[in-house]
C-alpha atoms as a PDB file:
ATOM      1  CA  MET A   1     -56.692 -72.136 141.122  1.00  0.00           C
ATOM      2  CA  GLU A   2     -55.755 -73.696 137.584  1.00  0.00           C
ATOM      3  CA  HIS A   3     -52.897 -71.501 137.931  1.00  0.00           C
ATOM      4  CA  LEU A   4     -50.829 -73.477 140.287  1.00  0.00           C
ATOM      5  CA  VAL A   5     -51.673 -76.427 138.355  1.00  0.00           C
ATOM      6  CA  GLU A   6     -49.807 -74.540 135.289  1.00  0.00           C
ATOM      7  CA  HIS A   7     -47.801 -72.879 137.463  1.00  0.00           C
ATOM      8  CA  ALA A   8     -46.736 -77.120 139.697  1.00  0.00           C
ATOM      9  CA  ILE A   9     -46.336 -78.255 135.632  1.00  0.00           C
ATOM     10  CA  ARG A  10     -43.425 -75.356 134.619  1.00  0.00           C
ATOM     11  CA  LYS A  11     -41.876 -76.140 137.728  1.00  0.00           C
ATOM     12  CA  HIS A  12     -41.540 -80.045 136.794  1.00  0.00           C
ATOM     13  CA  ARG A  13     -40.419 -79.256 133.319  1.00  0.00           C
ATOM     14  CA  GLN A  14     -37.844 -77.334 134.428  1.00  0.00           C
ATOM     15  CA  ARG A  15     -36.690 -79.695 136.538  1.00  0.00           C
ATOM     16  CA  PHE A  16     -36.732 -82.096 133.948  1.00  0.00           C
ATOM     17  CA  LEU A  17     -35.466 -80.572 131.128  1.00  0.00           C
ATOM     18  CA  ASP A  18     -31.704 -78.872 133.307  1.00  0.00           C
ATOM     19  CA  SER A  19     -31.185 -82.867 134.750  1.00  0.00           C
ATOM     20  CA  ARG A  20     -31.536 -83.791 131.496  1.00  0.00           C
ATOM     21  CA  LEU A  21     -29.781 -81.356 130.103  1.00  0.00           C
ATOM     22  CA  ARG A  22     -26.777 -80.752 132.710  1.00  0.00           C
ATOM     23  CA  GLY A  23     -26.472 -84.586 131.988  1.00  0.00           C
ATOM     24  CA  ILE A  24     -25.055 -82.970 127.742  1.00  0.00           C
ATOM     25  CA  GLY A  25     -23.452 -80.361 129.651  1.00  0.00           C
ATOM     26  CA  LEU A  26     -25.757 -77.344 129.283  1.00  0.00           C
ATOM     27  CA  SER A  27     -28.179 -75.127 131.357  1.00  0.00           C
ATOM     28  CA  ASN A  28     -31.356 -74.631 129.731  1.00  0.00           C
ATOM     29  CA  PRO A  29     -31.071 -71.090 128.813  1.00  0.00           C
ATOM     30  CA  GLN A  30     -28.448 -72.161 126.718  1.00  0.00           C
ATOM     31  CA  GLY A  31     -30.312 -74.751 125.586  1.00  0.00           C
ATOM     32  CA  PHE A  32     -32.774 -72.048 124.515  1.00  0.00           C
ATOM     33  CA  TYR A  33     -30.024 -70.498 122.725  1.00  0.00           C
ATOM     34  CA  LEU A  34     -28.774 -73.112 120.885  1.00  0.00           C
ATOM     35  CA  MET A  35     -32.074 -73.876 119.631  1.00  0.00           C
ATOM     36  CA  LYS A  36     -32.962 -70.489 118.490  1.00  0.00           C
ATOM     37  CA  VAL A  37     -29.572 -69.973 117.201  1.00  0.00           C
ATOM     38  CA  SER A  38     -29.725 -73.777 115.374  1.00  0.00           C
ATOM     39  CA  GLU A  39     -33.303 -71.977 113.437  1.00  0.00           C
ATOM     40  CA  HIS A  40     -31.065 -70.002 111.763  1.00  0.00           C
ATOM     41  CA  GLU A  41     -27.456 -71.444 110.980  1.00  0.00           C
ATOM     42  CA  GLN A  42     -26.952 -68.099 112.041  1.00  0.00           C
ATOM     43  CA  ILE A  43     -28.288 -65.886 113.896  1.00  0.00           C
ATOM     44  CA  LYS A  44     -27.860 -61.418 115.175  1.00  0.00           C
ATOM     45  CA  LEU A  45     -26.738 -61.234 118.097  1.00  0.00           C
ATOM     46  CA  ASN A  46     -29.479 -58.595 118.900  1.00  0.00           C
ATOM     47  CA  GLN A  47     -32.248 -61.040 116.629  1.00  0.00           C
ATOM     48  CA  LEU A  48     -31.138 -63.613 119.005  1.00  0.00           C
ATOM     49  CA  ILE A  49     -31.236 -60.865 122.074  1.00  0.00           C
ATOM     50  CA  GLU A  50     -34.968 -60.109 120.871  1.00  0.00           C
ATOM     51  CA  ALA A  51     -36.596 -63.632 120.756  1.00  0.00           C
ATOM     52  CA  SER A  52     -35.507 -64.893 123.675  1.00  0.00           C
ATOM     53  CA  PRO A  53     -37.471 -63.798 127.881  1.00  0.00           C
ATOM     54  CA  PHE A  54     -34.265 -62.961 129.609  1.00  0.00           C
ATOM     55  CA  HIS A  55     -31.929 -59.788 130.144  1.00  0.00           C
ATOM     56  CA  LYS A  56     -29.625 -58.266 127.339  1.00  0.00           C
ATOM     57  CA  SER A  57     -26.629 -59.600 129.586  1.00  0.00           C
ATOM     58  CA  HIS A  58     -27.819 -63.428 130.391  1.00  0.00           C
ATOM     59  CA  ILE A  59     -28.460 -63.417 126.775  1.00  0.00           C
ATOM     60  CA  THR A  60     -24.427 -62.214 126.290  1.00  0.00           C
ATOM     61  CA  ARG A  61     -22.472 -64.512 129.166  1.00  0.00           C
ATOM     62  CA  GLN A  62     -24.631 -67.443 127.937  1.00  0.00           C
ATOM     63  CA  VAL A  63     -23.797 -66.887 124.098  1.00  0.00           C
ATOM     64  CA  GLN A  64     -19.860 -66.882 125.497  1.00  0.00           C
ATOM     65  CA  GLN A  65     -20.285 -70.102 127.414  1.00  0.00           C
ATOM     66  CA  LEU A  66     -21.739 -71.646 124.363  1.00  0.00           C
ATOM     67  CA  ALA A  67     -18.360 -70.136 122.243  1.00  0.00           C
ATOM     68  CA  ALA A  68     -16.257 -71.231 125.200  1.00  0.00           C
ATOM     69  CA  LEU A  69     -17.507 -74.811 124.189  1.00  0.00           C
ATOM     70  CA  GLY A  70     -17.630 -75.310 120.867  1.00  0.00           C
ATOM     71  CA  LEU A  71     -21.214 -74.476 119.786  1.00  0.00           C
ATOM     72  CA  VAL A  72     -21.028 -71.609 117.987  1.00  0.00           C
ATOM     73  CA  GLU A  73     -19.113 -68.986 116.425  1.00  0.00           C
ATOM     74  CA  LYS A  74     -19.541 -64.560 116.826  1.00  0.00           C
ATOM     75  CA  ASN A  75     -18.141 -63.513 114.463  1.00  0.00           C
ATOM     76  CA  VAL A  76     -17.999 -59.360 113.639  1.00  0.00           C
ATOM     77  CA  ASP A  77     -20.741 -58.102 111.529  1.00  0.00           C
ATOM     78  CA  PRO A  78     -20.505 -56.775 108.191  1.00  0.00           C
ATOM     79  CA  GLU A  79     -22.668 -55.149 108.430  1.00  0.00           C
ATOM     80  CA  ASP A  80     -22.645 -53.482 112.346  1.00  0.00           C
ATOM     81  CA  SER A  81     -19.482 -53.131 113.273  1.00  0.00           C
ATOM     82  CA  ARG A  82     -20.469 -53.251 117.343  1.00  0.00           C
ATOM     83  CA  GLY A  83     -22.757 -56.725 116.384  1.00  0.00           C
ATOM     84  CA  LEU A  84     -22.320 -59.909 116.481  1.00  0.00           C
ATOM     85  CA  ILE A  85     -23.695 -63.054 114.811  1.00  0.00           C
ATOM     86  CA  ILE A  86     -23.790 -65.736 116.184  1.00  0.00           C
ATOM     87  CA  SER A  87     -23.307 -69.292 113.871  1.00  0.00           C
ATOM     88  CA  ILE A  88     -24.004 -72.500 115.412  1.00  0.00           C
ATOM     89  CA  THR A  89     -21.076 -74.996 115.223  1.00  0.00           C
ATOM     90  CA  PRO A  90     -20.682 -79.490 113.710  1.00  0.00           C
ATOM     91  CA  GLN A  91     -20.866 -79.679 117.373  1.00  0.00           C
ATOM     92  CA  GLY A  92     -23.602 -77.212 118.193  1.00  0.00           C
ATOM     93  CA  LEU A  93     -26.289 -79.149 115.676  1.00  0.00           C
ATOM     94  CA  GLU A  94     -25.107 -82.589 117.573  1.00  0.00           C
ATOM     95  CA  GLN A  95     -26.143 -81.575 121.046  1.00  0.00           C
ATOM     96  CA  VAL A  96     -29.258 -79.205 119.526  1.00  0.00           C
ATOM     97  CA  LYS A  97     -30.005 -82.951 118.668  1.00  0.00           C
ATOM     98  CA  LEU A  98     -30.046 -83.925 122.036  1.00  0.00           C
ATOM     99  CA  VAL A  99     -32.104 -81.259 123.913  1.00  0.00           C
ATOM    100  CA  LYS A 100     -34.251 -82.052 120.670  1.00  0.00           C
ATOM    101  CA  LYS A 101     -34.543 -85.466 122.246  1.00  0.00           C
ATOM    102  CA  ALA A 102     -35.053 -83.627 125.899  1.00  0.00           C
ATOM    103  CA  LEU A 103     -37.586 -81.220 125.319  1.00  0.00           C
ATOM    104  CA  SER A 104     -39.199 -84.158 123.206  1.00  0.00           C
ATOM    105  CA  ASP A 105     -39.612 -87.119 126.251  1.00  0.00           C
ATOM    106  CA  TRP A 106     -41.586 -84.002 128.037  1.00  0.00           C
ATOM    107  CA  GLU A 107     -43.306 -83.650 125.668  1.00  0.00           C
ATOM    108  CA  GLN A 108     -43.925 -88.300 125.197  1.00  0.00           C
ATOM    109  CA  LEU A 109     -44.113 -87.752 129.378  1.00  0.00           C
ATOM    110  CA  CYS A 110     -46.796 -85.483 129.249  1.00  0.00           C
ATOM    111  CA  HIS A 111     -48.841 -86.734 126.552  1.00  0.00           C
ATOM    112  CA  GLU A 112     -48.923 -90.468 128.061  1.00  0.00           C
ATOM    113  CA  ALA A 113     -51.520 -88.686 131.042  1.00  0.00           C
ATOM    114  CA  LEU A 114     -54.239 -88.336 127.653  1.00  0.00           C
ATOM    115  CA  THR A 115     -55.883 -90.224 125.160  1.00  0.00           C
ATOM    116  CA  ILE A 116     -54.956 -89.438 121.692  1.00  0.00           C
ATOM    117  CA  GLU A 117     -58.706 -87.931 121.924  1.00  0.00           C
ATOM    118  CA  GLU A 118     -57.836 -85.914 124.276  1.00  0.00           C
ATOM    119  CA  GLN A 119     -54.302 -85.166 123.044  1.00  0.00           C
ATOM    120  CA  GLU A 120     -55.961 -83.867 120.077  1.00  0.00           C
ATOM    121  CA  ALA A 121     -58.729 -82.155 122.178  1.00  0.00           C
ATOM    122  CA  LEU A 122     -55.236 -79.914 124.200  1.00  0.00           C
ATOM    123  CA  HIS A 123     -54.223 -79.063 120.891  1.00  0.00           C
ATOM    124  CA  SER A 124     -57.180 -77.678 119.562  1.00  0.00           C
ATOM    125  CA  ILE A 125     -57.124 -75.408 122.744  1.00  0.00           C
ATOM    126  CA  GLN A 126     -53.910 -74.465 122.318  1.00  0.00           C
ATOM    127  CA  GLU A 127     -53.939 -73.064 118.663  1.00  0.00           C
ATOM    128  CA  LYS A 128     -57.812 -71.625 120.049  1.00  0.00           C
ATOM    129  CA  ILE A 129     -55.197 -70.392 122.577  1.00  0.00           C
ATOM    130  CA  LEU A 130     -52.750 -69.046 120.600  1.00  0.00           C
ATOM    131  CA  HIS A 131     -54.943 -67.329 117.560  1.00  0.00           C
ATOM    132  CA  HIS A 132     -57.060 -65.322 120.306  1.00  0.00           C
ATOM    133  CA  ILE A 133     -53.313 -64.570 122.332  1.00  0.00           C
ATOM    134  CA  GLU A 134     -52.469 -63.222 118.466  1.00  0.00           C
ATOM    135  CA  GLN A 135     -55.024 -61.584 117.727  1.00  0.00           C
ATOM    136  CA  THR A 136     -54.809 -59.209 120.949  1.00  0.00           C
ATOM    137  CA  PHE A 137     -51.541 -58.816 120.248  1.00  0.00           C
ATOM    138  CA  GLY A 138     -51.575 -57.966 116.672  1.00  0.00           C
ATOM    139  CA  GLU A 139     -48.882 -60.586 116.068  1.00  0.00           C
ATOM    140  CA  ASP A 140     -49.120 -63.479 113.352  1.00  0.00           C
ATOM    141  CA  GLU A 141     -46.068 -65.529 114.320  1.00  0.00           C
ATOM    142  CA  GLN A 142     -45.234 -68.723 112.631  1.00  0.00           C
ATOM    143  CA  ILE A 143     -44.995 -71.376 114.962  1.00  0.00           C
ATOM    144  CA  GLY A 144     -42.132 -74.111 114.305  1.00  0.00           C
END
């Protein structure tokens, strides 16, 4: 039963973000990639592919569209002439602020339903789940 609730929440999150990002001329995946690039200022395309839950061809198309919008630049990787380095542009940084605002608004909407105590309990439960998953997979990924 709880998986149905999780699914419904993800579905509503997707709709919310689709609507908000469409309003700034981006798709939800484009917002994801733009955020990833902005975290590093520049990132190798292969690293972006590894960080993404999507197929390589999907990422390549989305990055091409972001470049066409002037939000990222693609340059040949000096260490690997077959690879690309993706860099965020000043215009891309401005869009990232809007993407972050949409994500923040979603979080605010979710937290409005909870008391402070419930929010703290939820955060503690999420940290416990993350710790268990990281132990299971032998990973220690930084959150941020």
